[in-house]
Amino acid sequence: MSAAPAQTASPWIRRLPLIAIAAVAVIGAFTLGDLLSFEALAENREKLLAFRDANYLVAALGFIAIYALIVAFSLPGATIATLTGGFLFSTFPGVIFNMTGATLGAIAIFLAAKWGFGAQLSAKMDSSDGKIRKIKEGIDENRWSMLFLIRLVPAVPFFVANLVPAFVGVPLWIFAVTTFVGIIPGALVYTSVGAGLGEVFARGETPNLSIIFEPHILLPILGLCALAALPLVLKALRGKKDV
């Protein structure tokens, strides 16, 4: 008699982390906008720099932890956090701190999604017939290319790129590697912008956050996207020839 309720409750228990993430994300969207903003960074820059100078290791580890939490709970301010990493720690090692925090946060939401829904959805796709099974097989055969592609394309929201791999059964280590490597271009651009915030603050201006869409930045990223997509294109062409 007691086994049935446990089996009924277990799916909801598995989904609790994802539900908690969604709840915190909604609350954060309405409450943290002012706290995680460029204006807040500008107002507190002297305190942050002083704390960094007095406690560098603690500041670095604390920054990575906060960045990971922002990403894990899909809170507003990820771009500001990236700028802050550059402002506090320069382009290097700031970019490493940014990438580490972003990857850890991405892994957290990936595991929550995989534990809650991903394993079940992946198993259903594996056992299904027709187009759904073919889509799953195509994803399995091109995991590296597809994961790099969704990380490199600026139009793909970061949280979407965290959830989709969990729902299609991507192994954790592949997700972690492609996340860390795939976010290098964007992280490097925004970290370098953050490293120049001192001059921006001095002029009383705001940083150019649309810089990633400028031709000299966007074109190389699109080139990387094309390189990531090349194996997919070649396989598609070979498949047509076989037919």
C-alpha atoms as a PDB file:
ATOM      1  CA  MET A   1       0.000   0.000   0.000  1.00  0.00           C
ATOM      2  CA  SER A   2       2.850   2.431   0.791  1.00  0.00           C
ATOM      3  CA  ALA A   3       4.792   1.805  -2.432  1.00  0.00           C
ATOM      4  CA  ALA A   4       2.175   3.363  -4.709  1.00  0.00           C
ATOM      5  CA  PRO A   5       2.133   6.804  -3.074  1.00  0.00           C
ATOM      6  CA  ALA A   6       5.930   6.865  -3.077  1.00  0.00           C
ATOM      7  CA  GLN A   7       5.984   6.103  -6.784  1.00  0.00           C
ATOM      8  CA  THR A   8       3.352   8.767  -7.400  1.00  0.00           C
ATOM      9  CA  ALA A   9       5.240  11.387  -5.386  1.00  0.00           C
ATOM     10  CA  SER A  10       8.714  10.661  -6.741  1.00  0.00           C
ATOM     11  CA  PRO A  11       8.327  12.548 -10.042  1.00  0.00           C
ATOM     12  CA  TRP A  12       7.303  15.681  -8.146  1.00  0.00           C
ATOM     13  CA  ILE A  13      10.203  15.286  -5.738  1.00  0.00           C
ATOM     14  CA  ARG A  14      12.554  15.115  -8.717  1.00  0.00           C
ATOM     15  CA  ARG A  15      11.010  18.283 -10.100  1.00  0.00           C
ATOM     16  CA  LEU A  16      11.310  20.295  -6.879  1.00  0.00           C
ATOM     17  CA  PRO A  17      14.744  21.780  -7.759  1.00  0.00           C
ATOM     18  CA  LEU A  18      13.468  22.978 -11.129  1.00  0.00           C
ATOM     19  CA  ILE A  19      10.291  24.332  -9.559  1.00  0.00           C
ATOM     20  CA  ALA A  20      12.400  26.165  -6.966  1.00  0.00           C
ATOM     21  CA  ILE A  21      14.590  27.635  -9.712  1.00  0.00           C
ATOM     22  CA  ALA A  22      11.516  28.831 -11.611  1.00  0.00           C
ATOM     23  CA  ALA A  23      10.028  30.384  -8.457  1.00  0.00           C
ATOM     24  CA  VAL A  24      13.250  32.192  -7.533  1.00  0.00           C
ATOM     25  CA  ALA A  25      13.640  33.368 -11.154  1.00  0.00           C
ATOM     26  CA  VAL A  26      10.146  34.930 -11.109  1.00  0.00           C
ATOM     27  CA  ILE A  27      10.715  36.583  -7.734  1.00  0.00           C
ATOM     28  CA  GLY A  28      14.161  37.785  -8.785  1.00  0.00           C
ATOM     29  CA  ALA A  29      12.823  39.295 -11.989  1.00  0.00           C
ATOM     30  CA  PHE A  30      10.618  41.642  -9.935  1.00  0.00           C
ATOM     31  CA  THR A  31      12.925  42.342  -6.985  1.00  0.00           C
ATOM     32  CA  LEU A  32      16.556  42.299  -8.121  1.00  0.00           C
ATOM     33  CA  GLY A  33      16.450  44.578 -11.155  1.00  0.00           C
ATOM     34  CA  ASP A  34      17.775  47.590  -9.243  1.00  0.00           C
ATOM     35  CA  LEU A  35      20.331  45.614  -7.237  1.00  0.00           C
ATOM     36  CA  LEU A  36      21.924  43.897 -10.243  1.00  0.00           C
ATOM     37  CA  SER A  37      22.191  46.934 -12.502  1.00  0.00           C
ATOM     38  CA  PHE A  38      24.824  49.161 -14.045  1.00  0.00           C
ATOM     39  CA  GLU A  39      23.736  52.007 -11.792  1.00  0.00           C
ATOM     40  CA  ALA A  40      24.276  49.856  -8.683  1.00  0.00           C
ATOM     41  CA  LEU A  41      27.721  48.897  -9.937  1.00  0.00           C
ATOM     42  CA  ALA A  42      28.614  52.534 -10.573  1.00  0.00           C
ATOM     43  CA  GLU A  43      27.452  53.586  -7.105  1.00  0.00           C
ATOM     44  CA  ASN A  44      29.332  50.813  -5.300  1.00  0.00           C
ATOM     45  CA  ARG A  45      32.460  50.619  -7.440  1.00  0.00           C
ATOM     46  CA  GLU A  46      34.785  52.135  -4.835  1.00  0.00           C
ATOM     47  CA  LYS A  47      33.615  49.737  -2.106  1.00  0.00           C
ATOM     48  CA  LEU A  48      33.975  46.764  -4.447  1.00  0.00           C
ATOM     49  CA  LEU A  49      37.487  47.759  -5.486  1.00  0.00           C
ATOM     50  CA  ALA A  50      38.502  48.302  -1.863  1.00  0.00           C
ATOM     51  CA  PHE A  51      37.155  44.896  -0.844  1.00  0.00           C
ATOM     52  CA  ARG A  52      38.933  43.237  -3.786  1.00  0.00           C
ATOM     53  CA  ASP A  53      42.241  44.870  -2.863  1.00  0.00           C
ATOM     54  CA  ALA A  54      41.945  43.770   0.772  1.00  0.00           C
ATOM     55  CA  ASN A  55      40.556  40.267   0.128  1.00  0.00           C
ATOM     56  CA  TYR A  56      41.465  39.218  -3.400  1.00  0.00           C
ATOM     57  CA  LEU A  57      40.942  35.447  -3.042  1.00  0.00           C
ATOM     58  CA  VAL A  58      37.693  35.852  -1.123  1.00  0.00           C
ATOM     59  CA  ALA A  59      36.510  38.422  -3.671  1.00  0.00           C
ATOM     60  CA  ALA A  60      37.320  36.101  -6.587  1.00  0.00           C
ATOM     61  CA  LEU A  61      35.655  33.038  -5.052  1.00  0.00           C
ATOM     62  CA  GLY A  62      32.691  35.081  -3.865  1.00  0.00           C
ATOM     63  CA  PHE A  63      32.249  36.616  -7.298  1.00  0.00           C
ATOM     64  CA  ILE A  64      32.291  33.190  -8.980  1.00  0.00           C
ATOM     65  CA  ALA A  65      29.720  31.888  -6.472  1.00  0.00           C
ATOM     66  CA  ILE A  66      27.409  34.880  -6.978  1.00  0.00           C
ATOM     67  CA  TYR A  67      27.724  34.592 -10.760  1.00  0.00           C
ATOM     68  CA  ALA A  68      26.881  30.882 -10.550  1.00  0.00           C
ATOM     69  CA  LEU A  69      23.773  31.653  -8.483  1.00  0.00           C
ATOM     70  CA  ILE A  70      22.649  34.328 -10.961  1.00  0.00           C
ATOM     71  CA  VAL A  71      22.893  31.845 -13.825  1.00  0.00           C
ATOM     72  CA  ALA A  72      21.492  28.863 -11.911  1.00  0.00           C
ATOM     73  CA  PHE A  73      18.358  30.774 -10.925  1.00  0.00           C
ATOM     74  CA  SER A  74      18.104  32.686 -14.225  1.00  0.00           C
ATOM     75  CA  LEU A  75      18.214  35.976 -12.309  1.00  0.00           C
ATOM     76  CA  PRO A  76      18.483  39.347 -14.056  1.00  0.00           C
ATOM     77  CA  GLY A  77      21.964  40.806 -14.180  1.00  0.00           C
ATOM     78  CA  ALA A  78      24.138  38.163 -15.878  1.00  0.00           C
ATOM     79  CA  THR A  79      25.490  40.783 -18.289  1.00  0.00           C
ATOM     80  CA  ILE A  80      26.191  43.185 -15.423  1.00  0.00           C
ATOM     81  CA  ALA A  81      27.935  40.362 -13.576  1.00  0.00           C
ATOM     82  CA  THR A  82      30.156  39.757 -16.600  1.00  0.00           C
ATOM     83  CA  LEU A  83      31.011  43.459 -16.759  1.00  0.00           C
ATOM     84  CA  THR A  84      31.750  43.393 -13.041  1.00  0.00           C
ATOM     85  CA  GLY A  85      34.142  40.490 -13.540  1.00  0.00           C
ATOM     86  CA  GLY A  86      36.098  42.564 -16.032  1.00  0.00           C
ATOM     87  CA  PHE A  87      35.911  45.704 -13.909  1.00  0.00           C
ATOM     88  CA  LEU A  88      37.201  43.991 -10.753  1.00  0.00           C
ATOM     89  CA  PHE A  89      39.670  41.492 -12.221  1.00  0.00           C
ATOM     90  CA  SER A  90      40.582  42.918 -15.661  1.00  0.00           C
ATOM     91  CA  THR A  91      40.086  40.998 -18.902  1.00  0.00           C
ATOM     92  CA  PHE A  92      42.330  38.260 -17.541  1.00  0.00           C
ATOM     93  CA  PRO A  93      41.758  36.533 -15.174  1.00  0.00           C
ATOM     94  CA  GLY A  94      38.305  38.139 -15.160  1.00  0.00           C
ATOM     95  CA  VAL A  95      37.196  36.186 -18.206  1.00  0.00           C
ATOM     96  CA  ILE A  96      38.157  32.913 -16.493  1.00  0.00           C
ATOM     97  CA  PHE A  97      36.159  33.863 -13.398  1.00  0.00           C
ATOM     98  CA  ASN A  98      33.177  34.799 -15.574  1.00  0.00           C
ATOM     99  CA  MET A  99      33.318  31.582 -17.575  1.00  0.00           C
ATOM    100  CA  THR A 100      33.718  29.470 -14.434  1.00  0.00           C
ATOM    101  CA  GLY A 101      30.738  31.082 -12.707  1.00  0.00           C
ATOM    102  CA  ALA A 102      28.578  30.843 -15.825  1.00  0.00           C
ATOM    103  CA  THR A 103      29.495  27.195 -16.387  1.00  0.00           C
ATOM    104  CA  LEU A 104      28.832  26.196 -12.763  1.00  0.00           C
ATOM    105  CA  GLY A 105      25.458  27.933 -12.841  1.00  0.00           C
ATOM    106  CA  ALA A 106      24.616  26.319 -16.173  1.00  0.00           C
ATOM    107  CA  ILE A 107      25.509  22.886 -14.786  1.00  0.00           C
ATOM    108  CA  ALA A 108      23.206  23.460 -11.793  1.00  0.00           C
ATOM    109  CA  ILE A 109      20.151  24.274 -13.905  1.00  0.00           C
ATOM    110  CA  PHE A 110      21.081  21.520 -16.378  1.00  0.00           C
ATOM    111  CA  LEU A 111      21.132  18.911 -13.586  1.00  0.00           C
ATOM    112  CA  ALA A 112      17.865  20.202 -12.130  1.00  0.00           C
ATOM    113  CA  ALA A 113      16.170  19.972 -15.535  1.00  0.00           C
ATOM    114  CA  LYS A 114      17.677  16.577 -16.306  1.00  0.00           C
ATOM    115  CA  TRP A 115      16.709  15.156 -12.924  1.00  0.00           C
ATOM    116  CA  GLY A 116      13.209  16.553 -13.139  1.00  0.00           C
ATOM    117  CA  PHE A 117      12.247  15.965 -16.768  1.00  0.00           C
ATOM    118  CA  GLY A 118      15.246  15.192 -18.932  1.00  0.00           C
ATOM    119  CA  ALA A 119      15.709  11.496 -18.205  1.00  0.00           C
ATOM    120  CA  GLN A 120      12.013  10.807 -18.739  1.00  0.00           C
ATOM    121  CA  LEU A 121      11.788  12.827 -21.961  1.00  0.00           C
ATOM    122  CA  SER A 122      14.979  11.313 -23.344  1.00  0.00           C
ATOM    123  CA  ALA A 123      13.730   7.784 -22.637  1.00  0.00           C
ATOM    124  CA  LYS A 124      10.408   8.539 -24.338  1.00  0.00           C
ATOM    125  CA  MET A 125      12.198   9.891 -27.406  1.00  0.00           C
ATOM    126  CA  ASP A 126      14.429   6.805 -27.540  1.00  0.00           C
ATOM    127  CA  SER A 127      11.432   4.471 -27.358  1.00  0.00           C
ATOM    128  CA  SER A 128       9.285   6.407 -29.826  1.00  0.00           C
ATOM    129  CA  ASP A 129       8.972   5.778 -33.540  1.00  0.00           C
ATOM    130  CA  GLY A 130       9.002   7.978 -36.608  1.00  0.00           C
ATOM    131  CA  LYS A 131      10.195  11.571 -36.710  1.00  0.00           C
ATOM    132  CA  ILE A 132      10.708  12.015 -32.967  1.00  0.00           C
ATOM    133  CA  ARG A 133      13.135   9.112 -32.821  1.00  0.00           C
ATOM    134  CA  LYS A 134      14.967  10.406 -35.898  1.00  0.00           C
ATOM    135  CA  ILE A 135      15.316  13.841 -34.299  1.00  0.00           C
ATOM    136  CA  LYS A 136      16.741  12.256 -31.142  1.00  0.00           C
ATOM    137  CA  GLU A 137      19.162  10.138 -33.173  1.00  0.00           C
ATOM    138  CA  GLY A 138      20.236  13.207 -35.121  1.00  0.00           C
ATOM    139  CA  ILE A 139      20.925  15.079 -31.885  1.00  0.00           C
ATOM    140  CA  ASP A 140      22.902  12.140 -30.477  1.00  0.00           C
ATOM    141  CA  GLU A 141      25.026  11.924 -33.622  1.00  0.00           C
ATOM    142  CA  ASN A 142      25.816  15.661 -33.677  1.00  0.00           C
ATOM    143  CA  ARG A 143      25.979  16.584 -29.990  1.00  0.00           C
ATOM    144  CA  TRP A 144      29.221  18.527 -30.116  1.00  0.00           C
ATOM    145  CA  SER A 145      28.308  20.585 -33.169  1.00  0.00           C
ATOM    146  CA  MET A 146      24.791  21.385 -31.969  1.00  0.00           C
ATOM    147  CA  LEU A 147      25.865  22.321 -28.450  1.00  0.00           C
ATOM    148  CA  PHE A 148      28.658  24.572 -29.684  1.00  0.00           C
ATOM    149  CA  LEU A 149      26.230  26.141 -32.146  1.00  0.00           C
ATOM    150  CA  ILE A 150      23.571  27.064 -29.567  1.00  0.00           C
ATOM    151  CA  ARG A 151      26.289  28.543 -27.332  1.00  0.00           C
ATOM    152  CA  LEU A 152      27.844  30.619 -30.089  1.00  0.00           C
ATOM    153  CA  VAL A 153      24.665  32.031 -31.656  1.00  0.00           C
ATOM    154  CA  PRO A 154      23.963  35.304 -29.785  1.00  0.00           C
ATOM    155  CA  ALA A 155      20.226  35.023 -30.460  1.00  0.00           C
ATOM    156  CA  VAL A 156      19.851  31.839 -28.360  1.00  0.00           C
ATOM    157  CA  PRO A 157      19.014  32.775 -24.723  1.00  0.00           C
ATOM    158  CA  PHE A 158      21.496  31.339 -22.248  1.00  0.00           C
ATOM    159  CA  PHE A 159      18.844  29.578 -20.148  1.00  0.00           C
ATOM    160  CA  VAL A 160      17.416  27.897 -23.261  1.00  0.00           C
ATOM    161  CA  ALA A 161      20.871  26.561 -24.106  1.00  0.00           C
ATOM    162  CA  ASN A 162      20.981  25.125 -20.568  1.00  0.00           C
ATOM    163  CA  LEU A 163      17.585  23.416 -20.670  1.00  0.00           C
ATOM    164  CA  VAL A 164      17.436  21.895 -24.158  1.00  0.00           C
ATOM    165  CA  PRO A 165      20.503  19.616 -23.722  1.00  0.00           C
ATOM    166  CA  ALA A 166      19.037  18.305 -20.442  1.00  0.00           C
ATOM    167  CA  PHE A 167      15.764  17.422 -22.150  1.00  0.00           C
ATOM    168  CA  VAL A 168      17.446  15.417 -24.918  1.00  0.00           C
ATOM    169  CA  GLY A 169      19.779  13.380 -22.722  1.00  0.00           C
ATOM    170  CA  VAL A 170      23.150  15.056 -23.302  1.00  0.00           C
ATOM    171  CA  PRO A 171      25.813  13.700 -20.875  1.00  0.00           C
ATOM    172  CA  LEU A 172      26.939  16.110 -18.193  1.00  0.00           C
ATOM    173  CA  TRP A 173      30.614  16.169 -19.170  1.00  0.00           C
ATOM    174  CA  ILE A 174      29.833  17.031 -22.800  1.00  0.00           C
ATOM    175  CA  PHE A 175      27.475  19.778 -21.652  1.00  0.00           C
ATOM    176  CA  ALA A 176      30.110  21.197 -19.286  1.00  0.00           C
ATOM    177  CA  VAL A 177      32.893  21.209 -21.894  1.00  0.00           C
ATOM    178  CA  THR A 178      30.795  22.734 -24.668  1.00  0.00           C
ATOM    179  CA  THR A 179      29.433  25.360 -22.286  1.00  0.00           C
ATOM    180  CA  PHE A 180      32.839  26.452 -20.999  1.00  0.00           C
ATOM    181  CA  VAL A 181      34.411  26.549 -24.462  1.00  0.00           C
ATOM    182  CA  GLY A 182      31.348  27.812 -26.318  1.00  0.00           C
ATOM    183  CA  ILE A 183      30.903  30.919 -24.171  1.00  0.00           C
ATOM    184  CA  ILE A 184      34.512  32.068 -24.635  1.00  0.00           C
ATOM    185  CA  PRO A 185      33.798  34.609 -27.447  1.00  0.00           C
ATOM    186  CA  GLY A 186      30.908  36.358 -25.714  1.00  0.00           C
ATOM    187  CA  ALA A 187      32.556  36.256 -22.293  1.00  0.00           C
ATOM    188  CA  LEU A 188      35.763  37.691 -23.693  1.00  0.00           C
ATOM    189  CA  VAL A 189      33.946  40.577 -25.394  1.00  0.00           C
ATOM    190  CA  TYR A 190      31.896  41.627 -22.372  1.00  0.00           C
ATOM    191  CA  THR A 191      34.736  41.067 -19.898  1.00  0.00           C
ATOM    192  CA  SER A 192      36.954  43.366 -21.953  1.00  0.00           C
ATOM    193  CA  VAL A 193      34.159  45.965 -21.942  1.00  0.00           C
ATOM    194  CA  GLY A 194      33.980  45.603 -18.171  1.00  0.00           C
ATOM    195  CA  ALA A 195      37.736  46.060 -17.883  1.00  0.00           C
ATOM    196  CA  GLY A 196      37.313  49.533 -19.413  1.00  0.00           C
ATOM    197  CA  LEU A 197      34.496  50.608 -17.096  1.00  0.00           C
ATOM    198  CA  GLY A 198      36.816  52.819 -15.069  1.00  0.00           C
ATOM    199  CA  GLU A 199      37.059  55.266 -17.973  1.00  0.00           C
ATOM    200  CA  VAL A 200      33.325  54.935 -18.658  1.00  0.00           C
ATOM    201  CA  PHE A 201      32.537  55.807 -15.028  1.00  0.00           C
ATOM    202  CA  ALA A 202      34.923  58.767 -15.172  1.00  0.00           C
ATOM    203  CA  ARG A 203      33.049  60.168 -18.185  1.00  0.00           C
ATOM    204  CA  GLY A 204      29.662  59.539 -16.572  1.00  0.00           C
ATOM    205  CA  GLU A 205      28.595  57.326 -19.462  1.00  0.00           C
ATOM    206  CA  THR A 206      27.155  53.829 -19.825  1.00  0.00           C
ATOM    207  CA  PRO A 207      28.957  50.961 -21.588  1.00  0.00           C
ATOM    208  CA  ASN A 208      28.088  49.941 -25.134  1.00  0.00           C
ATOM    209  CA  LEU A 209      26.416  46.586 -24.511  1.00  0.00           C
ATOM    210  CA  SER A 210      25.477  46.213 -28.179  1.00  0.00           C
ATOM    211  CA  ILE A 211      29.144  45.908 -29.087  1.00  0.00           C
ATOM    212  CA  ILE A 212      28.753  42.174 -29.714  1.00  0.00           C
ATOM    213  CA  PHE A 213      26.547  43.009 -32.712  1.00  0.00           C
ATOM    214  CA  GLU A 214      29.105  45.301 -34.312  1.00  0.00           C
ATOM    215  CA  PRO A 215      30.626  43.838 -37.508  1.00  0.00           C
ATOM    216  CA  HIS A 216      34.182  43.437 -36.219  1.00  0.00           C
ATOM    217  CA  ILE A 217      32.853  41.361 -33.288  1.00  0.00           C
ATOM    218  CA  LEU A 218      29.811  39.684 -34.804  1.00  0.00           C
ATOM    219  CA  LEU A 219      31.432  38.452 -38.018  1.00  0.00           C
ATOM    220  CA  PRO A 220      34.130  36.339 -36.295  1.00  0.00           C
ATOM    221  CA  ILE A 221      31.454  34.856 -33.992  1.00  0.00           C
ATOM    222  CA  LEU A 222      29.282  34.030 -37.000  1.00  0.00           C
ATOM    223  CA  GLY A 223      32.349  32.430 -38.557  1.00  0.00           C
ATOM    224  CA  LEU A 224      32.668  30.199 -35.502  1.00  0.00           C
ATOM    225  CA  CYS A 225      28.955  29.398 -35.799  1.00  0.00           C
ATOM    226  CA  ALA A 226      29.476  28.353 -39.412  1.00  0.00           C
ATOM    227  CA  LEU A 227      32.427  26.199 -38.363  1.00  0.00           C
ATOM    228  CA  ALA A 228      30.317  24.514 -35.667  1.00  0.00           C
ATOM    229  CA  ALA A 229      27.509  23.935 -38.174  1.00  0.00           C
ATOM    230  CA  LEU A 230      29.819  22.533 -40.861  1.00  0.00           C
ATOM    231  CA  PRO A 231      29.666  18.894 -39.655  1.00  0.00           C
ATOM    232  CA  LEU A 232      25.858  19.099 -39.669  1.00  0.00           C
ATOM    233  CA  VAL A 233      25.832  20.415 -43.232  1.00  0.00           C
ATOM    234  CA  LEU A 234      28.292  17.781 -44.439  1.00  0.00           C
ATOM    235  CA  LYS A 235      26.261  14.961 -42.877  1.00  0.00           C
ATOM    236  CA  ALA A 236      23.085  16.328 -44.438  1.00  0.00           C
ATOM    237  CA  LEU A 237      24.739  16.456 -47.878  1.00  0.00           C
ATOM    238  CA  ARG A 238      26.086  12.926 -47.503  1.00  0.00           C
ATOM    239  CA  GLY A 239      22.656  11.726 -46.475  1.00  0.00           C
ATOM    240  CA  LYS A 240      21.141  13.184 -49.652  1.00  0.00           C
ATOM    241  CA  LYS A 241      23.801  11.522 -51.786  1.00  0.00           C
ATOM    242  CA  ASP A 242      23.098   8.150 -50.132  1.00  0.00           C
ATOM    243  CA  VAL A 243      19.415   8.539 -50.910  1.00  0.00           C
END
